[in-house]
ModelCIF file with pLDDT and N, C-alpha, C, O atoms, coordinates in Angstrom:
data_MODEL
#
_entry.id   MODEL 
#
_entity.id                         1 
_entity.type                       polymer 
_entity.pdbx_number_of_molecules   1 
#
_entity_poly.entity_id                      1 
_entity_poly.type                           'polypeptide(L)' 
_entity_poly.nstd_linkage                   no 
_entity_poly.nstd_monomer                   no 
_entity_poly.pdbx_seq_one_letter_code       AHFETDQPLRTLDLPEAEAKSLSSFGLMSAKPILFVANV 
_entity_poly.pdbx_seq_one_letter_code_can   AHFETDQPLRTLDLPEAEAKSLSSFGLMSAKPILFVANV 
_entity_poly.pdbx_strand_id                 A 
#
loop_
_entity_poly_seq.entity_id 
_entity_poly_seq.num 
_entity_poly_seq.mon_id 
_entity_poly_seq.hetero 
1 1  ALA n 
1 2  HIS n 
1 3  PHE n 
1 4  GLU n 
1 5  THR n 
1 6  ASP n 
1 7  GLN n 
1 8  PRO n 
1 9  LEU n 
1 10 ARG n 
1 11 THR n 
1 12 LEU n 
1 13 ASP n 
1 14 LEU n 
1 15 PRO n 
1 16 GLU n 
1 17 ALA n 
1 18 GLU n 
1 19 ALA n 
1 20 LYS n 
1 21 SER n 
1 22 LEU n 
1 23 SER n 
1 24 SER n 
1 25 PHE n 
1 26 GLY n 
1 27 LEU n 
1 28 MET n 
1 29 SER n 
1 30 ALA n 
1 31 LYS n 
1 32 PRO n 
1 33 ILE n 
1 34 LEU n 
1 35 PHE n 
1 36 VAL n 
1 37 ALA n 
1 38 ASN n 
1 39 VAL n 
#
_struct_asym.id          A 
_struct_asym.entity_id   1 
#
loop_
_ma_qa_metric.id 
_ma_qa_metric.mode 
_ma_qa_metric.name 
_ma_qa_metric.software_group_id 
_ma_qa_metric.type 
1 global pLDDT . pLDDT 
2 local  pLDDT . pLDDT 
#
_ma_qa_metric_global.metric_id      1 
_ma_qa_metric_global.metric_value   94.08 
_ma_qa_metric_global.model_id       1 
_ma_qa_metric_global.ordinal_id     1 
#
loop_
_ma_qa_metric_local.label_asym_id 
_ma_qa_metric_local.label_comp_id 
_ma_qa_metric_local.label_seq_id 
_ma_qa_metric_local.metric_id 
_ma_qa_metric_local.metric_value 
_ma_qa_metric_local.model_id 
_ma_qa_metric_local.ordinal_id 
A ALA 1  2 97.00 1 1  
A HIS 2  2 97.00 1 2  
A PHE 3  2 96.00 1 3  
A GLU 4  2 96.00 1 4  
A THR 5  2 95.00 1 5  
A ASP 6  2 93.00 1 6  
A GLN 7  2 92.00 1 7  
A PRO 8  2 93.00 1 8  
A LEU 9  2 94.00 1 9  
A ARG 10 2 92.00 1 10 
A THR 11 2 91.00 1 11 
A LEU 12 2 93.00 1 12 
A ASP 13 2 92.00 1 13 
A LEU 14 2 93.00 1 14 
A PRO 15 2 93.00 1 15 
A GLU 16 2 92.00 1 16 
A ALA 17 2 94.00 1 17 
A GLU 18 2 94.00 1 18 
A ALA 19 2 94.00 1 19 
A LYS 20 2 94.00 1 20 
A SER 21 2 94.00 1 21 
A LEU 22 2 94.00 1 22 
A SER 23 2 92.00 1 23 
A SER 24 2 91.00 1 24 
A PHE 25 2 92.00 1 25 
A GLY 26 2 91.00 1 26 
A LEU 27 2 95.00 1 27 
A MET 28 2 94.00 1 28 
A SER 29 2 94.00 1 29 
A ALA 30 2 95.00 1 30 
A LYS 31 2 95.00 1 31 
A PRO 32 2 95.00 1 32 
A ILE 33 2 96.00 1 33 
A LEU 34 2 97.00 1 34 
A PHE 35 2 97.00 1 35 
A VAL 36 2 96.00 1 36 
A ALA 37 2 96.00 1 37 
A ASN 38 2 95.00 1 38 
A VAL 39 2 95.00 1 39 
#
loop_
_atom_site.group_PDB 
_atom_site.id 
_atom_site.type_symbol 
_atom_site.label_atom_id 
_atom_site.label_alt_id 
_atom_site.label_comp_id 
_atom_site.label_asym_id 
_atom_site.label_entity_id 
_atom_site.label_seq_id 
_atom_site.pdbx_PDB_ins_code 
_atom_site.Cartn_x 
_atom_site.Cartn_y 
_atom_site.Cartn_z 
_atom_site.occupancy 
_atom_site.B_iso_or_equiv 
_atom_site.pdbx_formal_charge 
_atom_site.auth_seq_id 
_atom_site.auth_comp_id 
_atom_site.auth_asym_id 
_atom_site.auth_atom_id 
_atom_site.pdbx_PDB_model_num 
ATOM 1   N N  . ALA A 1 1  ? 96.843  86.373  91.380  1.00 97.00 ? 1  ALA A N  1 
ATOM 2   C CA . ALA A 1 1  ? 98.240  85.947  91.265  1.00 97.00 ? 1  ALA A CA 1 
ATOM 3   C C  . ALA A 1 1  ? 99.090  86.622  92.332  1.00 97.00 ? 1  ALA A C  1 
ATOM 4   O O  . ALA A 1 1  ? 100.008 86.008  92.877  1.00 97.00 ? 1  ALA A O  1 
ATOM 5   N N  . HIS A 1 2  ? 98.792  87.882  92.633  1.00 97.00 ? 2  HIS A N  1 
ATOM 6   C CA . HIS A 1 2  ? 99.545  88.615  93.662  1.00 97.00 ? 2  HIS A CA 1 
ATOM 7   C C  . HIS A 1 2  ? 99.329  88.005  95.037  1.00 97.00 ? 2  HIS A C  1 
ATOM 8   O O  . HIS A 1 2  ? 100.258 87.956  95.843  1.00 97.00 ? 2  HIS A O  1 
ATOM 9   N N  . PHE A 1 3  ? 98.125  87.542  95.313  1.00 96.00 ? 3  PHE A N  1 
ATOM 10  C CA . PHE A 1 3  ? 97.849  86.923  96.611  1.00 96.00 ? 3  PHE A CA 1 
ATOM 11  C C  . PHE A 1 3  ? 98.683  85.666  96.833  1.00 96.00 ? 3  PHE A C  1 
ATOM 12  O O  . PHE A 1 3  ? 98.928  85.285  97.977  1.00 96.00 ? 3  PHE A O  1 
ATOM 13  N N  . GLU A 1 4  ? 99.118  85.023  95.764  1.00 96.00 ? 4  GLU A N  1 
ATOM 14  C CA . GLU A 1 4  ? 99.951  83.827  95.897  1.00 96.00 ? 4  GLU A CA 1 
ATOM 15  C C  . GLU A 1 4  ? 101.316 84.155  96.504  1.00 96.00 ? 4  GLU A C  1 
ATOM 16  O O  . GLU A 1 4  ? 102.025 83.257  96.959  1.00 96.00 ? 4  GLU A O  1 
ATOM 17  N N  . THR A 1 5  ? 101.683 85.430  96.511  1.00 95.00 ? 5  THR A N  1 
ATOM 18  C CA . THR A 1 5  ? 102.941 85.865  97.144  1.00 95.00 ? 5  THR A CA 1 
ATOM 19  C C  . THR A 1 5  ? 102.736 86.202  98.616  1.00 95.00 ? 5  THR A C  1 
ATOM 20  O O  . THR A 1 5  ? 103.669 86.630  99.295  1.00 95.00 ? 5  THR A O  1 
ATOM 21  N N  . ASP A 1 6  ? 101.490 86.005  99.115  1.00 93.00 ? 6  ASP A N  1 
ATOM 22  C CA . ASP A 1 6  ? 101.133 86.330  100.513 1.00 93.00 ? 6  ASP A CA 1 
ATOM 23  C C  . ASP A 1 6  ? 101.278 87.814  100.814 1.00 93.00 ? 6  ASP A C  1 
ATOM 24  O O  . ASP A 1 6  ? 101.589 88.195  101.942 1.00 93.00 ? 6  ASP A O  1 
ATOM 25  N N  . GLN A 1 7  ? 101.056 88.641  99.821  1.00 92.00 ? 7  GLN A N  1 
ATOM 26  C CA . GLN A 1 7  ? 101.129 90.083  100.000 1.00 92.00 ? 7  GLN A CA 1 
ATOM 27  C C  . GLN A 1 7  ? 99.753  90.712  99.777  1.00 92.00 ? 7  GLN A C  1 
ATOM 28  O O  . GLN A 1 7  ? 99.002  90.256  98.915  1.00 92.00 ? 7  GLN A O  1 
ATOM 29  N N  . PRO A 1 8  ? 99.410  91.760  100.549 1.00 93.00 ? 8  PRO A N  1 
ATOM 30  C CA . PRO A 1 8  ? 98.115  92.443  100.352 1.00 93.00 ? 8  PRO A CA 1 
ATOM 31  C C  . PRO A 1 8  ? 98.114  93.233  99.048  1.00 93.00 ? 8  PRO A C  1 
ATOM 32  O O  . PRO A 1 8  ? 99.166  93.514  98.476  1.00 93.00 ? 8  PRO A O  1 
ATOM 33  N N  . LEU A 1 9  ? 96.935  93.580  98.598  1.00 94.00 ? 9  LEU A N  1 
ATOM 34  C CA . LEU A 1 9  ? 96.815  94.277  97.314  1.00 94.00 ? 9  LEU A CA 1 
ATOM 35  C C  . LEU A 1 9  ? 97.363  95.695  97.349  1.00 94.00 ? 9  LEU A C  1 
ATOM 36  O O  . LEU A 1 9  ? 97.622  96.278  96.297  1.00 94.00 ? 9  LEU A O  1 
ATOM 37  N N  . ARG A 1 10 ? 97.544  96.263  98.543  1.00 92.00 ? 10 ARG A N  1 
ATOM 38  C CA . ARG A 1 10 ? 98.112  97.611  98.580  1.00 92.00 ? 10 ARG A CA 1 
ATOM 39  C C  . ARG A 1 10 ? 99.561  97.632  98.102  1.00 92.00 ? 10 ARG A C  1 
ATOM 40  O O  . ARG A 1 10 ? 100.112 98.698  97.826  1.00 92.00 ? 10 ARG A O  1 
ATOM 41  N N  . THR A 1 11 ? 100.181 96.448  98.006  1.00 91.00 ? 11 THR A N  1 
ATOM 42  C CA . THR A 1 11 ? 101.556 96.375  97.486  1.00 91.00 ? 11 THR A CA 1 
ATOM 43  C C  . THR A 1 11 ? 101.578 96.039  95.997  1.00 91.00 ? 11 THR A C  1 
ATOM 44  O O  . THR A 1 11 ? 102.651 95.850  95.424  1.00 91.00 ? 11 THR A O  1 
ATOM 45  N N  . LEU A 1 12 ? 100.399 95.963  95.361  1.00 93.00 ? 12 LEU A N  1 
ATOM 46  C CA . LEU A 1 12 ? 100.303 95.679  93.932  1.00 93.00 ? 12 LEU A CA 1 
ATOM 47  C C  . LEU A 1 12 ? 100.011 96.978  93.183  1.00 93.00 ? 12 LEU A C  1 
ATOM 48  O O  . LEU A 1 12 ? 99.072  97.696  93.527  1.00 93.00 ? 12 LEU A O  1 
ATOM 49  N N  . ASP A 1 13 ? 100.803 97.277  92.172  1.00 92.00 ? 13 ASP A N  1 
ATOM 50  C CA . ASP A 1 13 ? 100.624 98.502  91.395  1.00 92.00 ? 13 ASP A CA 1 
ATOM 51  C C  . ASP A 1 13 ? 99.865  98.176  90.115  1.00 92.00 ? 13 ASP A C  1 
ATOM 52  O O  . ASP A 1 13 ? 100.458 97.758  89.121  1.00 92.00 ? 13 ASP A O  1 
ATOM 53  N N  . LEU A 1 14 ? 98.563  98.368  90.146  1.00 93.00 ? 14 LEU A N  1 
ATOM 54  C CA . LEU A 1 14 ? 97.719  98.120  88.980  1.00 93.00 ? 14 LEU A CA 1 
ATOM 55  C C  . LEU A 1 14 ? 97.612  99.377  88.120  1.00 93.00 ? 14 LEU A C  1 
ATOM 56  O O  . LEU A 1 14 ? 97.611  100.484 88.659  1.00 93.00 ? 14 LEU A O  1 
ATOM 57  N N  . PRO A 1 15 ? 97.523  99.233  86.795  1.00 93.00 ? 15 PRO A N  1 
ATOM 58  C CA . PRO A 1 15 ? 97.216  100.391 85.951  1.00 93.00 ? 15 PRO A CA 1 
ATOM 59  C C  . PRO A 1 15 ? 95.919  101.046 86.409  1.00 93.00 ? 15 PRO A C  1 
ATOM 60  O O  . PRO A 1 15 ? 95.024  100.372 86.919  1.00 93.00 ? 15 PRO A O  1 
ATOM 61  N N  . GLU A 1 16 ? 95.819  102.348 86.229  1.00 92.00 ? 16 GLU A N  1 
ATOM 62  C CA . GLU A 1 16 ? 94.670  103.100 86.751  1.00 92.00 ? 16 GLU A CA 1 
ATOM 63  C C  . GLU A 1 16 ? 93.340  102.532 86.257  1.00 92.00 ? 16 GLU A C  1 
ATOM 64  O O  . GLU A 1 16 ? 92.387  102.422 87.028  1.00 92.00 ? 16 GLU A O  1 
ATOM 65  N N  . ALA A 1 17 ? 93.276  102.171 84.974  1.00 94.00 ? 17 ALA A N  1 
ATOM 66  C CA . ALA A 1 17 ? 92.024  101.674 84.419  1.00 94.00 ? 17 ALA A CA 1 
ATOM 67  C C  . ALA A 1 17 ? 91.618  100.352 85.060  1.00 94.00 ? 17 ALA A C  1 
ATOM 68  O O  . ALA A 1 17 ? 90.437  100.124 85.319  1.00 94.00 ? 17 ALA A O  1 
ATOM 69  N N  . GLU A 1 18 ? 92.592  99.480  85.318  1.00 94.00 ? 18 GLU A N  1 
ATOM 70  C CA . GLU A 1 18 ? 92.289  98.193  85.936  1.00 94.00 ? 18 GLU A CA 1 
ATOM 71  C C  . GLU A 1 18 ? 91.862  98.382  87.384  1.00 94.00 ? 18 GLU A C  1 
ATOM 72  O O  . GLU A 1 18 ? 90.918  97.741  87.845  1.00 94.00 ? 18 GLU A O  1 
ATOM 73  N N  . ALA A 1 19 ? 92.555  99.261  88.103  1.00 94.00 ? 19 ALA A N  1 
ATOM 74  C CA . ALA A 1 19 ? 92.186  99.536  89.496  1.00 94.00 ? 19 ALA A CA 1 
ATOM 75  C C  . ALA A 1 19 ? 90.760  100.083 89.571  1.00 94.00 ? 19 ALA A C  1 
ATOM 76  O O  . ALA A 1 19 ? 89.990  99.716  90.458  1.00 94.00 ? 19 ALA A O  1 
ATOM 77  N N  . LYS A 1 20 ? 90.420  100.960 88.632  1.00 94.00 ? 20 LYS A N  1 
ATOM 78  C CA . LYS A 1 20 ? 89.078  101.549 88.620  1.00 94.00 ? 20 LYS A CA 1 
ATOM 79  C C  . LYS A 1 20 ? 88.021  100.494 88.347  1.00 94.00 ? 20 LYS A C  1 
ATOM 80  O O  . LYS A 1 20 ? 86.907  100.579 88.864  1.00 94.00 ? 20 LYS A O  1 
ATOM 81  N N  . SER A 1 21 ? 88.368  99.487  87.528  1.00 94.00 ? 21 SER A N  1 
ATOM 82  C CA . SER A 1 21 ? 87.400  98.437  87.195  1.00 94.00 ? 21 SER A CA 1 
ATOM 83  C C  . SER A 1 21 ? 87.043  97.584  88.405  1.00 94.00 ? 21 SER A C  1 
ATOM 84  O O  . SER A 1 21 ? 86.027  96.889  88.403  1.00 94.00 ? 21 SER A O  1 
ATOM 85  N N  . LEU A 1 22 ? 87.886  97.639  89.447  1.00 94.00 ? 22 LEU A N  1 
ATOM 86  C CA . LEU A 1 22 ? 87.647  96.845  90.661  1.00 94.00 ? 22 LEU A CA 1 
ATOM 87  C C  . LEU A 1 22 ? 87.142  97.683  91.825  1.00 94.00 ? 22 LEU A C  1 
ATOM 88  O O  . LEU A 1 22 ? 86.920  97.154  92.914  1.00 94.00 ? 22 LEU A O  1 
ATOM 89  N N  . SER A 1 23 ? 86.957  98.981  91.614  1.00 92.00 ? 23 SER A N  1 
ATOM 90  C CA . SER A 1 23 ? 86.651  99.890  92.720  1.00 92.00 ? 23 SER A CA 1 
ATOM 91  C C  . SER A 1 23 ? 85.345  99.535  93.439  1.00 92.00 ? 23 SER A C  1 
ATOM 92  O O  . SER A 1 23 ? 85.204  99.797  94.634  1.00 92.00 ? 23 SER A O  1 
ATOM 93  N N  . SER A 1 24 ? 84.401  98.945  92.721  1.00 91.00 ? 24 SER A N  1 
ATOM 94  C CA . SER A 1 24 ? 83.115  98.641  93.344  1.00 91.00 ? 24 SER A CA 1 
ATOM 95  C C  . SER A 1 24 ? 83.192  97.477  94.331  1.00 91.00 ? 24 SER A C  1 
ATOM 96  O O  . SER A 1 24 ? 82.262  97.274  95.111  1.00 91.00 ? 24 SER A O  1 
ATOM 97  N N  . PHE A 1 25 ? 84.290  96.704  94.310  1.00 92.00 ? 25 PHE A N  1 
ATOM 98  C CA . PHE A 1 25 ? 84.425  95.552  95.199  1.00 92.00 ? 25 PHE A CA 1 
ATOM 99  C C  . PHE A 1 25 ? 84.839  95.949  96.621  1.00 92.00 ? 25 PHE A C  1 
ATOM 100 O O  . PHE A 1 25 ? 84.688  95.153  97.548  1.00 92.00 ? 25 PHE A O  1 
ATOM 101 N N  . GLY A 1 26 ? 85.358  97.165  96.803  1.00 91.00 ? 26 GLY A N  1 
ATOM 102 C CA . GLY A 1 26 ? 85.792  97.587  98.133  1.00 91.00 ? 26 GLY A CA 1 
ATOM 103 C C  . GLY A 1 26 ? 86.867  96.687  98.706  1.00 91.00 ? 26 GLY A C  1 
ATOM 104 O O  . GLY A 1 26 ? 86.819  96.344  99.887  1.00 91.00 ? 26 GLY A O  1 
ATOM 105 N N  . LEU A 1 27 ? 87.838  96.299  97.892  1.00 95.00 ? 27 LEU A N  1 
ATOM 106 C CA . LEU A 1 27 ? 88.862  95.339  98.320  1.00 95.00 ? 27 LEU A CA 1 
ATOM 107 C C  . LEU A 1 27 ? 89.627  95.871  99.536  1.00 95.00 ? 27 LEU A C  1 
ATOM 108 O O  . LEU A 1 27 ? 90.249  96.933  99.484  1.00 95.00 ? 27 LEU A O  1 
ATOM 109 N N  . MET A 1 28 ? 89.565  95.116  100.617 1.00 94.00 ? 28 MET A N  1 
ATOM 110 C CA . MET A 1 28 ? 90.065  95.610  101.905 1.00 94.00 ? 28 MET A CA 1 
ATOM 111 C C  . MET A 1 28 ? 91.583  95.632  101.984 1.00 94.00 ? 28 MET A C  1 
ATOM 112 O O  . MET A 1 28 ? 92.159  96.554  102.562 1.00 94.00 ? 28 MET A O  1 
ATOM 113 N N  . SER A 1 29 ? 92.239  94.626  101.410 1.00 94.00 ? 29 SER A N  1 
ATOM 114 C CA . SER A 1 29 ? 93.698  94.584  101.508 1.00 94.00 ? 29 SER A CA 1 
ATOM 115 C C  . SER A 1 29 ? 94.359  95.581  100.569 1.00 94.00 ? 29 SER A C  1 
ATOM 116 O O  . SER A 1 29 ? 95.579  95.742  100.585 1.00 94.00 ? 29 SER A O  1 
ATOM 117 N N  . ALA A 1 30 ? 93.541  96.260  99.738  1.00 95.00 ? 30 ALA A N  1 
ATOM 118 C CA . ALA A 1 30 ? 94.068  97.311  98.861  1.00 95.00 ? 30 ALA A CA 1 
ATOM 119 C C  . ALA A 1 30 ? 94.005  98.680  99.522  1.00 95.00 ? 30 ALA A C  1 
ATOM 120 O O  . ALA A 1 30 ? 94.622  99.631  99.042  1.00 95.00 ? 30 ALA A O  1 
ATOM 121 N N  . LYS A 1 31 ? 93.267  98.786  100.614 1.00 95.00 ? 31 LYS A N  1 
ATOM 122 C CA . LYS A 1 31 ? 93.087  100.088 101.259 1.00 95.00 ? 31 LYS A CA 1 
ATOM 123 C C  . LYS A 1 31 ? 94.375  100.519 101.968 1.00 95.00 ? 31 LYS A C  1 
ATOM 124 O O  . LYS A 1 31 ? 95.067  99.686  102.552 1.00 95.00 ? 31 LYS A O  1 
ATOM 125 N N  . PRO A 1 32 ? 94.701  101.818 101.921 1.00 95.00 ? 32 PRO A N  1 
ATOM 126 C CA . PRO A 1 32 ? 95.869  102.302 102.665 1.00 95.00 ? 32 PRO A CA 1 
ATOM 127 C C  . PRO A 1 32 ? 95.680  102.052 104.153 1.00 95.00 ? 32 PRO A C  1 
ATOM 128 O O  . PRO A 1 32 ? 94.555  102.074 104.652 1.00 95.00 ? 32 PRO A O  1 
ATOM 129 N N  . ILE A 1 33 ? 96.781  101.814 104.864 1.00 96.00 ? 33 ILE A N  1 
ATOM 130 C CA . ILE A 1 33 ? 96.685  101.439 106.279 1.00 96.00 ? 33 ILE A CA 1 
ATOM 131 C C  . ILE A 1 33 ? 97.654  102.241 107.133 1.00 96.00 ? 33 ILE A C  1 
ATOM 132 O O  . ILE A 1 33 ? 98.770  102.548 106.713 1.00 96.00 ? 33 ILE A O  1 
ATOM 133 N N  . LEU A 1 34 ? 97.211  102.570 108.325 1.00 97.00 ? 34 LEU A N  1 
ATOM 134 C CA . LEU A 1 34 ? 98.033  103.221 109.352 1.00 97.00 ? 34 LEU A CA 1 
ATOM 135 C C  . LEU A 1 34 ? 98.004  102.332 110.579 1.00 97.00 ? 34 LEU A C  1 
ATOM 136 O O  . LEU A 1 34 ? 96.940  101.865 110.983 1.00 97.00 ? 34 LEU A O  1 
ATOM 137 N N  . PHE A 1 35 ? 99.171  102.091 111.181 1.00 97.00 ? 35 PHE A N  1 
ATOM 138 C CA . PHE A 1 35 ? 99.237  101.284 112.391 1.00 97.00 ? 35 PHE A CA 1 
ATOM 139 C C  . PHE A 1 35 ? 99.386  102.193 113.610 1.00 97.00 ? 35 PHE A C  1 
ATOM 140 O O  . PHE A 1 35 ? 100.229 103.090 113.630 1.00 97.00 ? 35 PHE A O  1 
ATOM 141 N N  . VAL A 1 36 ? 98.559  101.949 114.622 1.00 96.00 ? 36 VAL A N  1 
ATOM 142 C CA . VAL A 1 36 ? 98.645  102.672 115.890 1.00 96.00 ? 36 VAL A CA 1 
ATOM 143 C C  . VAL A 1 36 ? 99.101  101.690 116.952 1.00 96.00 ? 36 VAL A C  1 
ATOM 144 O O  . VAL A 1 36 ? 98.382  100.752 117.297 1.00 96.00 ? 36 VAL A O  1 
ATOM 145 N N  . ALA A 1 37 ? 100.293 101.911 117.465 1.00 96.00 ? 37 ALA A N  1 
ATOM 146 C CA . ALA A 1 37 ? 100.833 101.052 118.519 1.00 96.00 ? 37 ALA A CA 1 
ATOM 147 C C  . ALA A 1 37 ? 100.320 101.563 119.860 1.00 96.00 ? 37 ALA A C  1 
ATOM 148 O O  . ALA A 1 37 ? 100.689 102.652 120.299 1.00 96.00 ? 37 ALA A O  1 
ATOM 149 N N  . ASN A 1 38 ? 99.473  100.777 120.503 1.00 95.00 ? 38 ASN A N  1 
ATOM 150 C CA . ASN A 1 38 ? 98.942  101.146 121.814 1.00 95.00 ? 38 ASN A CA 1 
ATOM 151 C C  . ASN A 1 38 ? 99.941  100.696 122.877 1.00 95.00 ? 38 ASN A C  1 
ATOM 152 O O  . ASN A 1 38 ? 100.075 99.504  123.154 1.00 95.00 ? 38 ASN A O  1 
ATOM 153 N N  . VAL A 1 39 ? 100.641 101.668 123.470 1.00 95.00 ? 39 VAL A N  1 
ATOM 154 C CA . VAL A 1 39 ? 101.776 101.378 124.344 1.00 95.00 ? 39 VAL A CA 1 
ATOM 155 C C  . VAL A 1 39 ? 101.420 101.591 125.808 1.00 95.00 ? 39 VAL A C  1 
ATOM 156 O O  . VAL A 1 39 ? 102.262 101.392 126.684 1.00 95.00 ? 39 VAL A O  1 
#
């Protein structure tokens, strides 16, 4: 349902138990991200 908003999962706040239930999937859009601007 969150993906229908065109937002990555890192912007979705799941309860800890639910997040843990999905940990084995390695969901990529849920991973924290750092941007490096190559200037």
